[in-house]
C-alpha atoms as a PDB file:
ATOM      1  CA  MET A   1     -48.185  -0.802  10.368  1.00  0.00           C
ATOM      2  CA  ASN A   2     -50.527   2.227  10.690  1.00  0.00           C
ATOM      3  CA  PRO A   3     -50.088   5.318   8.445  1.00  0.00           C
ATOM      4  CA  LEU A   4     -48.510   7.415  11.247  1.00  0.00           C
ATOM      5  CA  SER A   5     -45.867   4.747  11.948  1.00  0.00           C
ATOM      6  CA  ARG A   6     -45.067   4.458   8.273  1.00  0.00           C
ATOM      7  CA  ARG A   7     -44.526   8.247   8.020  1.00  0.00           C
ATOM      8  CA  VAL A   8     -42.195   8.247  11.041  1.00  0.00           C
ATOM      9  CA  ALA A   9     -40.178   5.349   9.633  1.00  0.00           C
ATOM     10  CA  LEU A  10     -39.879   7.118   6.277  1.00  0.00           C
ATOM     11  CA  VAL A  11     -38.571  10.315   7.927  1.00  0.00           C
ATOM     12  CA  VAL A  12     -35.943   8.337   9.876  1.00  0.00           C
ATOM     13  CA  LEU A  13     -34.865   6.486   6.730  1.00  0.00           C
ATOM     14  CA  LEU A  14     -34.551   9.700   4.699  1.00  0.00           C
ATOM     15  CA  SER A  15     -32.522  11.311   7.494  1.00  0.00           C
ATOM     16  CA  ALA A  16     -30.149   8.350   7.568  1.00  0.00           C
ATOM     17  CA  VAL A  17     -29.734   8.432   3.784  1.00  0.00           C
ATOM     18  CA  ALA A  18     -29.045  12.167   3.844  1.00  0.00           C
ATOM     19  CA  GLY A  19     -26.417  11.684   6.560  1.00  0.00           C
ATOM     20  CA  CYS A  20     -24.650   8.913   4.615  1.00  0.00           C
ATOM     21  CA  SER A  21     -24.629  11.059   1.483  1.00  0.00           C
ATOM     22  CA  THR A  22     -22.989  13.932   3.346  1.00  0.00           C
ATOM     23  CA  VAL A  23     -20.188  11.700   4.670  1.00  0.00           C
ATOM     24  CA  LYS A  24     -19.647  10.129   1.246  1.00  0.00           C
ATOM     25  CA  ASP A  25     -19.479  13.538  -0.454  1.00  0.00           C
ATOM     26  CA  ALA A  26     -16.906  14.682   2.089  1.00  0.00           C
ATOM     27  CA  LYS A  27     -14.750  11.619   1.403  1.00  0.00           C
ATOM     28  CA  ASP A  28     -15.000  12.052  -2.367  1.00  0.00           C
ATOM     29  CA  SER A  29     -13.716  15.632  -2.074  1.00  0.00           C
ATOM     30  CA  VAL A  30     -10.290  14.298  -0.977  1.00  0.00           C
ATOM     31  CA  ALA A  31      -8.633  12.099  -3.597  1.00  0.00           C
ATOM     32  CA  SER A  32      -6.280  10.294  -1.247  1.00  0.00           C
ATOM     33  CA  TRP A  33      -5.769   7.239   0.904  1.00  0.00           C
ATOM     34  CA  VAL A  34      -8.058   6.996   3.898  1.00  0.00           C
ATOM     35  CA  ASN A  35      -6.507   5.575   7.060  1.00  0.00           C
ATOM     36  CA  GLY A  36      -8.076   6.336  10.398  1.00  0.00           C
ATOM     37  CA  GLY A  37      -9.685   9.484   8.997  1.00  0.00           C
ATOM     38  CA  ASP A  38      -6.391  11.357   8.360  1.00  0.00           C
ATOM     39  CA  GLY A  39      -6.518  10.970   4.574  1.00  0.00           C
ATOM     40  CA  THR A  40      -3.144   9.239   4.230  1.00  0.00           C
ATOM     41  CA  LEU A  41      -1.724   5.749   3.966  1.00  0.00           C
ATOM     42  CA  SER A  42       0.341   4.966   7.052  1.00  0.00           C
ATOM     43  CA  THR A  43       3.917   3.790   6.481  1.00  0.00           C
ATOM     44  CA  LYS A  44       5.035   4.075  10.101  1.00  0.00           C
ATOM     45  CA  ALA A  45       7.070   1.056  11.220  1.00  0.00           C
ATOM     46  CA  GLU A  46       5.760  -0.897  14.167  1.00  0.00           C
ATOM     47  CA  LYS A  47       7.773  -0.644  17.363  1.00  0.00           C
ATOM     48  CA  LYS A  48       9.957  -3.631  18.151  1.00  0.00           C
ATOM     49  CA  ALA A  49       9.114  -5.755  21.128  1.00  0.00           C
ATOM     50  CA  ALA A  50      11.386  -5.425  24.153  1.00  0.00           C
ATOM     51  CA  GLY A  51      14.579  -7.396  23.611  1.00  0.00           C
ATOM     52  CA  GLU A  52      13.909  -7.963  19.902  1.00  0.00           C
ATOM     53  CA  SER A  53      17.086  -7.763  17.829  1.00  0.00           C
ATOM     54  CA  SER A  54      17.280  -5.769  14.584  1.00  0.00           C
ATOM     55  CA  GLY A  55      20.056  -7.942  13.134  1.00  0.00           C
ATOM     56  CA  PRO A  56      23.662  -8.999  13.764  1.00  0.00           C
ATOM     57  CA  ALA A  57      25.460  -6.627  16.151  1.00  0.00           C
ATOM     58  CA  LEU A  58      28.342  -5.933  13.740  1.00  0.00           C
ATOM     59  CA  LYS A  59      30.445  -2.777  13.769  1.00  0.00           C
ATOM     60  CA  TYR A  60      32.709  -2.211  10.778  1.00  0.00           C
ATOM     61  CA  ALA A  61      35.438   0.394  10.911  1.00  0.00           C
ATOM     62  CA  ALA A  62      33.810   1.991   7.835  1.00  0.00           C
ATOM     63  CA  THR A  63      31.497   4.575   9.388  1.00  0.00           C
ATOM     64  CA  LEU A  64      28.792   6.232   7.287  1.00  0.00           C
ATOM     65  CA  ARG A  65      26.459   9.159   7.316  1.00  0.00           C
ATOM     66  CA  VAL A  66      23.408   8.960   5.056  1.00  0.00           C
ATOM     67  CA  SER A  67      22.134  12.259   3.666  1.00  0.00           C
ATOM     68  CA  LYS A  68      18.474  12.607   2.762  1.00  0.00           C
ATOM     69  CA  TYR A  69      17.836  11.445  -0.790  1.00  0.00           C
ATOM     70  CA  VAL A  70      16.496  14.037  -3.249  1.00  0.00           C
ATOM     71  CA  ASP A  71      13.138  13.353  -4.904  1.00  0.00           C
ATOM     72  CA  GLN A  72      13.523  14.088  -8.636  1.00  0.00           C
ATOM     73  CA  ARG A  73      10.238  12.490  -9.688  1.00  0.00           C
ATOM     74  CA  LYS A  74       7.966  14.687 -11.783  1.00  0.00           C
ATOM     75  CA  THR A  75       4.913  14.262  -9.573  1.00  0.00           C
ATOM     76  CA  GLY A  76       4.544  17.688  -8.000  1.00  0.00           C
ATOM     77  CA  ASN A  77       3.713  16.081  -4.649  1.00  0.00           C
ATOM     78  CA  PRO A  78       6.510  14.562  -2.526  1.00  0.00           C
ATOM     79  CA  ARG A  79       4.023  12.177  -0.857  1.00  0.00           C
ATOM     80  CA  LEU A  80       2.321  10.898  -4.033  1.00  0.00           C
ATOM     81  CA  LEU A  81       2.879   7.162  -4.534  1.00  0.00           C
ATOM     82  CA  GLY A  82       0.640   6.457  -7.531  1.00  0.00           C
ATOM     83  CA  MET A  83      -2.926   6.000  -8.745  1.00  0.00           C
ATOM     84  CA  ALA A  84      -5.565   3.441  -7.833  1.00  0.00           C
ATOM     85  CA  LYS A  85      -7.649   2.524 -10.882  1.00  0.00           C
ATOM     86  CA  ASN A  86      -9.012  -0.636  -9.245  1.00  0.00           C
ATOM     87  CA  ARG A  87     -10.827  -0.796  -5.931  1.00  0.00           C
ATOM     88  CA  VAL A  88      -8.773  -1.062  -2.757  1.00  0.00           C
ATOM     89  CA  ARG A  89     -10.718  -1.812   0.403  1.00  0.00           C
ATOM     90  CA  GLY A  90     -10.637   1.132   2.795  1.00  0.00           C
ATOM     91  CA  VAL A  91      -9.639   3.613   0.057  1.00  0.00           C
ATOM     92  CA  ASP A  92     -11.642   6.419  -1.572  1.00  0.00           C
ATOM     93  CA  GLY A  93     -10.331   8.417  -4.520  1.00  0.00           C
ATOM     94  CA  GLU A  94      -7.568   7.659  -7.003  1.00  0.00           C
ATOM     95  CA  GLN A  95      -4.494   9.489  -5.697  1.00  0.00           C
ATOM     96  CA  MET A  96      -2.460   7.400  -3.275  1.00  0.00           C
ATOM     97  CA  LEU A  97      -0.796   9.711  -0.756  1.00  0.00           C
ATOM     98  CA  LEU A  98       1.589   8.498   1.939  1.00  0.00           C
ATOM     99  CA  ASP A  99       1.896   9.953   5.423  1.00  0.00           C
ATOM    100  CA  GLN A 100       5.584  10.745   4.773  1.00  0.00           C
ATOM    101  CA  GLU A 101       7.562  12.119   1.852  1.00  0.00           C
ATOM    102  CA  ILE A 102       8.906   9.502  -0.544  1.00  0.00           C
ATOM    103  CA  ALA A 103      12.435  10.864   0.051  1.00  0.00           C
ATOM    104  CA  THR A 104      12.103  10.227   3.794  1.00  0.00           C
ATOM    105  CA  ILE A 105      10.867   6.684   3.253  1.00  0.00           C
ATOM    106  CA  VAL A 106      13.719   5.841   0.832  1.00  0.00           C
ATOM    107  CA  THR A 107      16.382   7.379   3.084  1.00  0.00           C
ATOM    108  CA  THR A 108      15.062   5.443   6.074  1.00  0.00           C
ATOM    109  CA  ALA A 109      15.104   2.185   4.072  1.00  0.00           C
ATOM    110  CA  ILE A 110      18.725   2.753   2.984  1.00  0.00           C
ATOM    111  CA  LYS A 111      19.812   3.521   6.555  1.00  0.00           C
ATOM    112  CA  LYS A 112      18.024   0.432   7.829  1.00  0.00           C
ATOM    113  CA  ARG A 113      19.800  -1.827   5.329  1.00  0.00           C
ATOM    114  CA  PHE A 114      23.251  -0.397   6.161  1.00  0.00           C
ATOM    115  CA  ASP A 115      22.493  -0.853   9.845  1.00  0.00           C
ATOM    116  CA  ALA A 116      21.338  -4.448   9.267  1.00  0.00           C
ATOM    117  CA  GLU A 117      24.605  -5.190   7.452  1.00  0.00           C
ATOM    118  CA  GLY A 118      26.611  -4.021  10.446  1.00  0.00           C
ATOM    119  CA  TYR A 119      27.720  -0.532   9.440  1.00  0.00           C
ATOM    120  CA  GLN A 120      27.908   2.290  11.942  1.00  0.00           C
ATOM    121  CA  VAL A 121      25.399   4.773  10.541  1.00  0.00           C
ATOM    122  CA  MET A 122      26.252   8.015  12.320  1.00  0.00           C
ATOM    123  CA  GLU A 123      23.607  10.678  12.880  1.00  0.00           C
ATOM    124  CA  GLY A 124      23.195  13.950  14.732  1.00  0.00           C
ATOM    125  CA  GLY A 125      26.327  15.454  16.232  1.00  0.00           C
ATOM    126  CA  SER A 126      28.441  12.375  15.487  1.00  0.00           C
ATOM    127  CA  ALA A 127      27.708  12.467  11.731  1.00  0.00           C
ATOM    128  CA  GLY A 128      30.646  14.835  11.209  1.00  0.00           C
ATOM    129  CA  ASN A 129      33.026  12.067  12.300  1.00  0.00           C
ATOM    130  CA  ALA A 130      31.915   9.605   9.605  1.00  0.00           C
ATOM    131  CA  LEU A 131      34.488   8.388   7.078  1.00  0.00           C
ATOM    132  CA  PHE A 132      32.047   8.140   4.163  1.00  0.00           C
ATOM    133  CA  GLU A 133      28.887   9.875   2.994  1.00  0.00           C
ATOM    134  CA  VAL A 134      25.995   8.165   1.217  1.00  0.00           C
ATOM    135  CA  SER A 135      23.679  10.391  -0.808  1.00  0.00           C
ATOM    136  CA  GLY A 136      21.423  10.004  -3.804  1.00  0.00           C
ATOM    137  CA  VAL A 137      18.412  10.933  -5.892  1.00  0.00           C
ATOM    138  CA  ILE A 138      15.113   9.185  -6.524  1.00  0.00           C
ATOM    139  CA  LYS A 139      14.512   8.991 -10.264  1.00  0.00           C
ATOM    140  CA  ASP A 140      11.336   6.949  -9.935  1.00  0.00           C
ATOM    141  CA  LEU A 141       9.217   5.350  -7.254  1.00  0.00           C
ATOM    142  CA  THR A 142       5.615   4.716  -8.252  1.00  0.00           C
ATOM    143  CA  LEU A 143       3.065   2.074  -7.370  1.00  0.00           C
ATOM    144  CA  ASN A 144      -0.102   2.006  -9.468  1.00  0.00           C
ATOM    145  CA  VAL A 145      -3.046  -0.280  -8.747  1.00  0.00           C
ATOM    146  CA  LYS A 146      -4.550  -1.425 -12.049  1.00  0.00           C
ATOM    147  CA  ASN A 147      -5.482  -4.945 -13.151  1.00  0.00           C
ATOM    148  CA  ARG A 148      -2.164  -5.765 -11.494  1.00  0.00           C
ATOM    149  CA  ASP A 149      -0.207  -3.821  -8.904  1.00  0.00           C
ATOM    150  CA  GLU A 150       2.685  -2.270 -10.855  1.00  0.00           C
ATOM    151  CA  ILE A 151       5.742  -0.867  -9.073  1.00  0.00           C
ATOM    152  CA  SER A 152       8.747   0.899 -10.598  1.00  0.00           C
ATOM    153  CA  ILE A 153      11.833   2.004  -8.644  1.00  0.00           C
ATOM    154  CA  ALA A 154      14.958   3.824  -9.850  1.00  0.00           C
ATOM    155  CA  ILE A 155      17.314   5.122  -7.140  1.00  0.00           C
ATOM    156  CA  GLU A 156      20.746   6.626  -7.850  1.00  0.00           C
ATOM    157  CA  THR A 157      23.299   6.463  -5.011  1.00  0.00           C
ATOM    158  CA  THR A 158      26.763   7.982  -4.517  1.00  0.00           C
ATOM    159  CA  LEU A 159      29.362   6.966  -1.915  1.00  0.00           C
ATOM    160  CA  LYS A 160      31.995   9.612  -1.158  1.00  0.00           C
ATOM    161  CA  ASP A 161      35.214   9.434   0.870  1.00  0.00           C
ATOM    162  CA  LEU A 162      34.882  12.444   3.152  1.00  0.00           C
ATOM    163  CA  SER A 163      38.632  12.768   3.805  1.00  0.00           C
ATOM    164  CA  SER A 164      39.522  13.156   0.123  1.00  0.00           C
ATOM    165  CA  GLY A 165      36.200  14.129  -1.452  1.00  0.00           C
ATOM    166  CA  GLU A 166      36.656  11.249  -3.910  1.00  0.00           C
ATOM    167  CA  VAL A 167      33.614   9.373  -5.187  1.00  0.00           C
ATOM    168  CA  VAL A 168      34.221   5.722  -4.297  1.00  0.00           C
ATOM    169  CA  TRP A 169      31.090   4.364  -5.950  1.00  0.00           C
ATOM    170  CA  SER A 170      28.114   5.696  -7.883  1.00  0.00           C
ATOM    171  CA  GLY A 171      25.352   3.766  -9.583  1.00  0.00           C
ATOM    172  CA  LEU A 172      21.674   3.390 -10.404  1.00  0.00           C
ATOM    173  CA  VAL A 173      19.546   0.634  -8.888  1.00  0.00           C
ATOM    174  CA  THR A 174      16.340  -0.272 -10.709  1.00  0.00           C
ATOM    175  CA  GLU A 175      13.510  -2.581  -9.714  1.00  0.00           C
ATOM    176  CA  LYS A 176      10.322  -3.260 -11.680  1.00  0.00           C
ATOM    177  CA  ASN A 177       7.680  -5.756 -10.661  1.00  0.00           C
ATOM    178  CA  ASP A 178       3.976  -6.434 -10.688  1.00  0.00           C
ATOM    179  CA  ARG A 179       1.609  -8.766  -8.924  1.00  0.00           C
ATOM    180  CA  PHE A 180      -1.974  -9.983  -9.099  1.00  0.00           C
ATOM    181  CA  ALA A 181      -3.787  -8.946  -5.955  1.00  0.00           C
ATOM    182  CA  GLY A 182      -6.001 -12.044  -6.020  1.00  0.00           C
ATOM    183  CA  ILE A 183      -9.711 -12.640  -6.353  1.00  0.00           C
ATOM    184  CA  SER A 184     -10.460 -10.848  -3.097  1.00  0.00           C
ATOM    185  CA  GLY A 185      -8.576  -7.720  -4.246  1.00  0.00           C
ATOM    186  CA  ASN A 186      -6.380  -5.317  -2.299  1.00  0.00           C
ATOM    187  CA  ASN A 187      -6.628  -3.539   0.994  1.00  0.00           C
ATOM    188  CA  LYS A 188      -4.447  -0.715   2.332  1.00  0.00           C
ATOM    189  CA  ASP A 189      -2.165  -2.952   4.386  1.00  0.00           C
ATOM    190  CA  ASP A 190      -1.562  -5.267   1.414  1.00  0.00           C
ATOM    191  CA  VAL A 191      -0.373  -2.399  -0.766  1.00  0.00           C
ATOM    192  CA  VAL A 192       1.889  -0.952   1.946  1.00  0.00           C
ATOM    193  CA  ALA A 193       3.410  -4.399   2.518  1.00  0.00           C
ATOM    194  CA  TYR A 194       4.058  -4.740  -1.229  1.00  0.00           C
ATOM    195  CA  LEU A 195       5.711  -1.303  -1.319  1.00  0.00           C
ATOM    196  CA  ASN A 196       7.942  -2.193   1.637  1.00  0.00           C
ATOM    197  CA  LYS A 197       8.880  -5.549   0.101  1.00  0.00           C
ATOM    198  CA  GLU A 198      10.011  -4.048  -3.215  1.00  0.00           C
ATOM    199  CA  LEU A 199      11.755  -1.112  -1.547  1.00  0.00           C
ATOM    200  CA  LYS A 200      13.681  -3.599   0.586  1.00  0.00           C
ATOM    201  CA  VAL A 201      14.850  -5.372  -2.586  1.00  0.00           C
ATOM    202  CA  ALA A 202      16.072  -2.079  -4.099  1.00  0.00           C
ATOM    203  CA  SER A 203      17.782  -0.896  -0.893  1.00  0.00           C
ATOM    204  CA  SER A 204      19.424  -4.321  -0.424  1.00  0.00           C
ATOM    205  CA  LYS A 205      20.866  -4.130  -3.951  1.00  0.00           C
ATOM    206  CA  THR A 206      22.147  -0.634  -3.195  1.00  0.00           C
ATOM    207  CA  VAL A 207      23.862  -1.655   0.029  1.00  0.00           C
ATOM    208  CA  GLU A 208      25.291  -4.822  -1.520  1.00  0.00           C
ATOM    209  CA  ALA A 209      26.788  -2.872  -4.434  1.00  0.00           C
ATOM    210  CA  VAL A 210      28.185  -0.132  -2.183  1.00  0.00           C
ATOM    211  CA  SER A 211      29.643  -2.734   0.204  1.00  0.00           C
ATOM    212  CA  ALA A 212      31.382  -4.651  -2.578  1.00  0.00           C
ATOM    213  CA  SER A 213      33.099  -1.518  -3.880  1.00  0.00           C
ATOM    214  CA  LEU A 214      33.895  -0.114  -0.439  1.00  0.00           C
ATOM    215  CA  MET A 215      35.452  -3.413   0.588  1.00  0.00           C
ATOM    216  CA  ALA A 216      37.480  -3.370  -2.638  1.00  0.00           C
ATOM    217  CA  ALA A 217      38.674   0.193  -2.103  1.00  0.00           C
ATOM    218  CA  LYS A 218      39.306  -0.070   1.655  1.00  0.00           C
ATOM    219  CA  PRO A 219      39.737  -3.777   2.511  1.00  0.00           C
ATOM    220  CA  GLU A 220      41.677  -2.863   5.642  1.00  0.00           C
ATOM    221  CA  LEU A 221      38.436  -1.546   7.173  1.00  0.00           C
ATOM    222  CA  PHE A 222      36.821  -4.959   6.805  1.00  0.00           C
ATOM    223  CA  ASN A 223      39.724  -7.393   7.226  1.00  0.00           C
ATOM    224  CA  LEU A 224      38.975  -8.606   3.703  1.00  0.00           C
ATOM    225  CA  THR A 225      40.732  -9.169   0.403  1.00  0.00           C
ATOM    226  CA  ALA A 226      39.660  -6.698  -2.259  1.00  0.00           C
ATOM    227  CA  GLY A 227      37.054  -7.873  -4.758  1.00  0.00           C
ATOM    228  CA  THR A 228      33.913  -6.725  -6.558  1.00  0.00           C
ATOM    229  CA  LYS A 229      30.975  -8.528  -8.113  1.00  0.00           C
ATOM    230  CA  ALA A 230      28.168  -7.813 -10.532  1.00  0.00           C
ATOM    231  CA  ILE A 231      24.669  -7.436  -9.069  1.00  0.00           C
ATOM    232  CA  PRO A 232      21.586  -7.793 -11.309  1.00  0.00           C
ATOM    233  CA  GLY A 233      19.614  -4.564 -11.497  1.00  0.00           C
ATOM    234  CA  VAL A 234      22.598  -2.327 -10.632  1.00  0.00           C
ATOM    235  CA  THR A 235      24.147  -0.027 -13.265  1.00  0.00           C
ATOM    236  CA  VAL A 236      27.561   1.101 -11.982  1.00  0.00           C
ATOM    237  CA  TYR A 237      28.759   4.620 -12.854  1.00  0.00           C
ATOM    238  CA  VAL A 238      31.855   4.820 -10.648  1.00  0.00           C
ATOM    239  CA  ALA A 239      33.756   1.977  -8.949  1.00  0.00           C
ATOM    240  CA  PRO A 240      37.308   1.293  -7.730  1.00  0.00           C
ATOM    241  CA  ALA A 241      39.730   0.200 -10.421  1.00  0.00           C
ATOM    242  CA  ALA A 242      39.956  -3.577 -10.668  1.00  0.00           C
ATOM    243  CA  ALA A 243      43.123  -5.058  -9.233  1.00  0.00           C
ATOM    244  CA  LYS A 244      45.561  -6.428 -11.796  1.00  0.00           C
ATOM    245  CA  PRO A 245      45.693 -10.236 -11.870  1.00  0.00           C
ATOM    246  CA  ALA A 246      48.773 -11.857 -10.414  1.00  0.00           C
ATOM    247  CA  PRO A 247      51.270 -12.980 -13.078  1.00  0.00           C
ATOM    248  CA  ALA A 248      51.268 -16.640 -13.997  1.00  0.00           C
ATOM    249  CA  ALA A 249      53.835 -18.746 -12.161  1.00  0.00           C
ATOM    250  CA  MET A 250      56.961 -19.562 -14.142  1.00  0.00           C
ATOM    251  CA  PRO A 251      58.135 -23.149 -14.558  1.00  0.00           C
ATOM    252  CA  ALA A 252      60.260 -24.335 -11.647  1.00  0.00           C
ATOM    253  CA  THR A 253      63.313 -24.840 -13.895  1.00  0.00           C
ATOM    254  CA  THR A 254      63.391 -21.170 -14.946  1.00  0.00           C
ATOM    255  CA  MET A 255      62.158 -19.494 -11.760  1.00  0.00           C
ATOM    256  CA  PRO A 256      64.867 -17.141 -10.485  1.00  0.00           C
ATOM    257  CA  ALA A 257      65.496 -16.224  -6.875  1.00  0.00           C
ATOM    258  CA  TYR A 258      62.767 -14.042  -5.433  1.00  0.00           C
ATOM    259  CA  GLY A 259      63.129 -10.311  -6.015  1.00  0.00           C
ATOM    260  CA  VAL A 260      64.875  -9.976  -9.386  1.00  0.00           C
ATOM    261  CA  GLN A 261      64.163 -11.397 -12.836  1.00  0.00           C
ATOM    262  CA  SER A 262      66.214 -10.026 -15.695  1.00  0.00           C
ATOM    263  CA  GLY A 263      66.679  -6.791 -13.786  1.00  0.00           C
ATOM    264  CA  SER A 264      62.934  -6.400 -12.970  1.00  0.00           C
ATOM    265  CA  ALA A 265      61.289  -6.801  -9.580  1.00  0.00           C
ATOM    266  CA  VAL A 266      59.143  -9.908  -9.196  1.00  0.00           C
ATOM    267  CA  PRO A 267      55.970  -9.414  -7.140  1.00  0.00           C
ATOM    268  CA  PRO A 268      55.548 -11.649  -4.092  1.00  0.00           C
ATOM    269  CA  PRO A 269      53.153 -14.581  -4.467  1.00  0.00           C
ATOM    270  CA  ALA A 270      49.549 -14.069  -3.349  1.00  0.00           C
ATOM    271  CA  TYR A 271      49.108 -14.815   0.328  1.00  0.00           C
ATOM    272  CA  MET A 272      47.398 -18.120   1.073  1.00  0.00           C
ATOM    273  CA  PRO A 273      46.067 -18.586   4.632  1.00  0.00           C
ATOM    274  CA  ARG A 274      47.486 -21.694   6.310  1.00  0.00           C
ATOM    275  CA  ALA A 275      47.935 -23.216   9.744  1.00  0.00           C
ATOM    276  CA  SER A 276      51.118 -22.280  11.593  1.00  0.00           C
ATOM    277  CA  ALA A 277      52.823 -22.826  14.933  1.00  0.00           C
ATOM    278  CA  THR A 278      50.623 -20.120  16.478  1.00  0.00           C
ATOM    279  CA  THR A 279      47.436 -20.179  14.369  1.00  0.00           C
ATOM    280  CA  GLY A 280      44.981 -22.654  12.892  1.00  0.00           C
ATOM    281  CA  LEU A 281      43.295 -22.862   9.482  1.00  0.00           C
ATOM    282  CA  LEU A 282      39.491 -22.779   9.228  1.00  0.00           C
ATOM    283  CA  LEU A 283      37.828 -23.927   6.019  1.00  0.00           C
ATOM    284  CA  VAL A 284      34.151 -22.916   5.740  1.00  0.00           C
ATOM    285  CA  ASN A 285      31.985 -24.552   3.074  1.00  0.00           C
ATOM    286  CA  THR A 286      28.228 -24.048   2.695  1.00  0.00           C
ATOM    287  CA  ASN A 287      25.513 -25.641   0.647  1.00  0.00           C
ATOM    288  CA  PRO A 288      24.529 -23.610  -1.315  1.00  0.00           C
ATOM    289  CA  GLN A 289      27.668 -21.530  -1.710  1.00  0.00           C
ATOM    290  CA  ARG A 290      28.063 -17.716  -1.677  1.00  0.00           C
ATOM    291  CA  ALA A 291      26.642 -17.397   1.842  1.00  0.00           C
ATOM    292  CA  LYS A 292      27.824 -14.562   4.098  1.00  0.00           C
ATOM    293  CA  VAL A 293      30.182 -15.816   6.813  1.00  0.00           C
ATOM    294  CA  TYR A 294      30.390 -14.117  10.224  1.00  0.00           C
ATOM    295  CA  LEU A 295      32.986 -15.127  12.833  1.00  0.00           C
ATOM    296  CA  ASP A 296      32.603 -13.793  16.369  1.00  0.00           C
ATOM    297  CA  GLY A 297      30.189 -11.182  15.029  1.00  0.00           C
ATOM    298  CA  VAL A 298      32.482  -9.934  12.237  1.00  0.00           C
ATOM    299  CA  TYR A 299      31.751 -10.401   8.520  1.00  0.00           C
ATOM    300  CA  TYR A 300      34.660 -12.154   6.748  1.00  0.00           C
ATOM    301  CA  GLY A 301      33.323 -12.817   3.250  1.00  0.00           C
ATOM    302  CA  LEU A 302      31.371 -15.285   1.135  1.00  0.00           C
ATOM    303  CA  SER A 303      31.685 -19.059   1.284  1.00  0.00           C
ATOM    304  CA  PRO A 304      33.700 -21.093   0.506  1.00  0.00           C
ATOM    305  CA  LEU A 305      36.167 -19.336   2.781  1.00  0.00           C
ATOM    306  CA  ARG A 306      39.720 -20.117   3.965  1.00  0.00           C
ATOM    307  CA  LEU A 307      40.751 -18.281   7.139  1.00  0.00           C
ATOM    308  CA  GLU A 308      43.800 -18.199   9.367  1.00  0.00           C
ATOM    309  CA  MET A 309      42.442 -17.994  12.918  1.00  0.00           C
ATOM    310  CA  GLU A 310      43.650 -17.647  16.485  1.00  0.00           C
ATOM    311  CA  PRO A 311      43.319 -20.926  18.415  1.00  0.00           C
ATOM    312  CA  GLY A 312      40.209 -21.285  20.523  1.00  0.00           C
ATOM    313  CA  VAL A 313      36.437 -21.596  20.273  1.00  0.00           C
ATOM    314  CA  HIS A 314      34.766 -19.247  17.781  1.00  0.00           C
ATOM    315  CA  ALA A 315      31.120 -18.527  16.964  1.00  0.00           C
ATOM    316  CA  ILE A 316      30.367 -18.916  13.266  1.00  0.00           C
ATOM    317  CA  SER A 317      27.163 -17.791  11.517  1.00  0.00           C
ATOM    318  CA  VAL A 318      26.262 -18.052   7.845  1.00  0.00           C
ATOM    319  CA  LYS A 319      23.465 -16.157   6.115  1.00  0.00           C
ATOM    320  CA  LEU A 320      21.975 -16.384   2.636  1.00  0.00           C
ATOM    321  CA  GLU A 321      18.903 -14.598   1.300  1.00  0.00           C
ATOM    322  CA  GLY A 322      15.934 -16.964   1.308  1.00  0.00           C
ATOM    323  CA  TYR A 323      17.525 -19.409   3.781  1.00  0.00           C
ATOM    324  CA  LYS A 324      17.544 -19.736   7.557  1.00  0.00           C
ATOM    325  CA  MET A 325      20.661 -18.461   9.306  1.00  0.00           C
ATOM    326  CA  VAL A 326      22.916 -21.227  10.686  1.00  0.00           C
ATOM    327  CA  THR A 327      24.984 -20.597  13.831  1.00  0.00           C
ATOM    328  CA  GLU A 328      27.501 -23.027  15.349  1.00  0.00           C
ATOM    329  CA  LYS A 329      30.568 -23.107  17.567  1.00  0.00           C
ATOM    330  CA  VAL A 330      33.882 -24.262  16.136  1.00  0.00           C
ATOM    331  CA  SER A 331      37.163 -25.099  17.853  1.00  0.00           C
ATOM    332  CA  VAL A 332      40.312 -24.038  16.003  1.00  0.00           C
ATOM    333  CA  ARG A 333      43.615 -25.640  17.006  1.00  0.00           C
ATOM    334  CA  LYS A 334      47.037 -24.167  16.259  1.00  0.00           C
ATOM    335  CA  GLY A 335      48.971 -25.937  13.550  1.00  0.00           C
ATOM    336  CA  ASP A 336      45.841 -27.828  12.461  1.00  0.00           C
ATOM    337  CA  ASN A 337      43.194 -27.537   9.725  1.00  0.00           C
ATOM    338  CA  THR A 338      39.514 -27.447  10.704  1.00  0.00           C
ATOM    339  CA  GLU A 339      36.888 -27.865   7.986  1.00  0.00           C
ATOM    340  CA  MET A 340      33.171 -27.096   8.354  1.00  0.00           C
ATOM    341  CA  GLU A 341      30.360 -28.064   6.002  1.00  0.00           C
ATOM    342  CA  LEU A 342      27.138 -26.127   6.761  1.00  0.00           C
ATOM    343  CA  ASN A 343      23.855 -26.927   5.038  1.00  0.00           C
ATOM    344  CA  LEU A 344      21.344 -24.068   4.829  1.00  0.00           C
ATOM    345  CA  GLU A 345      17.616 -24.765   4.866  1.00  0.00           C
ATOM    346  CA  ARG A 346      14.781 -22.634   3.508  1.00  0.00           C
END
C-alpha cells in the first residue's frame, strides 16, 4: 500500500472510532434498559392470535372491580425494577427501568388471573355494579441481576364487600426466588420472562387465597360448600370466621326424634349428595387429587368430588397446576351413581 493510501485508510478508521465513541458515550449517559432505542425494557404483552382462547369461559356471580395497586416501595421511581451488576446482553447501565409503572404491571397481572379463573372483572362504566372490590399495595417488587438473578415480591391485597363495606379478606403474599442465568448469561427477554413467571406465581397465590375466602363467605355465588385452605406464601390478615364443626352423631339407642333433645334444638345432619328419582350422583376422582373440577363450564370444587346432577350428558374438565387439562363427556342417569376416574399427565 502506498503512503497516500495508508493516510486515507487511517483517516477513515479514526472517523469510525470517533463515531463509535460518540454513540457509546450517549448510551452510557442513560443508566437504563435499552430496547429498540427507547431506553426501557418492554413488558407489553403480545397480541393473541385470532381465535386463541385466554382460558375457560366461566362467569361466576361474584363480580369484581380491581383498583390500581399502590406502589409503596422506597425506590423513588415507579418504573425501577432493580439493578444489573452482571452483564445482560442488549443492556447498558445498571438501573433496570420498565416501560410501565410497577403498579400498572401488578394490577394487570392480578386482573388477568381473576379473569383466567372465571370471574367477571368489571371495568369502565360497569365497574360501579361490581359486588366486590379488590385493592392493594406493593410492599416490594425488585429483580436484581447479580451472580444469580434475585427476585423479591411482597403484595398486600384486600377484598371488600361493596354493599356492606366489610373487608372479606386481607393478606400479604410473598415470593422470593433466584436463578442461575447459565453460562451464556442473560439477555433482556430472559429477564422479562423471569419477572413474568414469578409475578404469575404471586398473583396466582393472591387469587387462590381470595377465592377460597370469598367462596367460604358467599358460597351461594359459586354453588359451593363453604371452606378455606392454607396456601404457602400467604399471610392472612382478615378471613371469614371458620364454620363450626357439626356435632358428633349420637348412638342410635339414645338418638331422640329430630328437632328436640332435652329441650334444645338439634341441628339437621349435613347434606350428602345422592341419586334420587329425578337426579343422578356423579363421583369425580382424579390422580393426583385436589384438581379443579369444571362441569359445563362452571367450577364446582376440588377432587375428589360428589355431586348431585341433572340427568343428561355433561362436559367435565379437570385442571391442576403442572398437569395437562383433561376434558371428557359424562352421561348422568337419574337414580343412578356414575363414577369417573381421571388421570392427569404432565
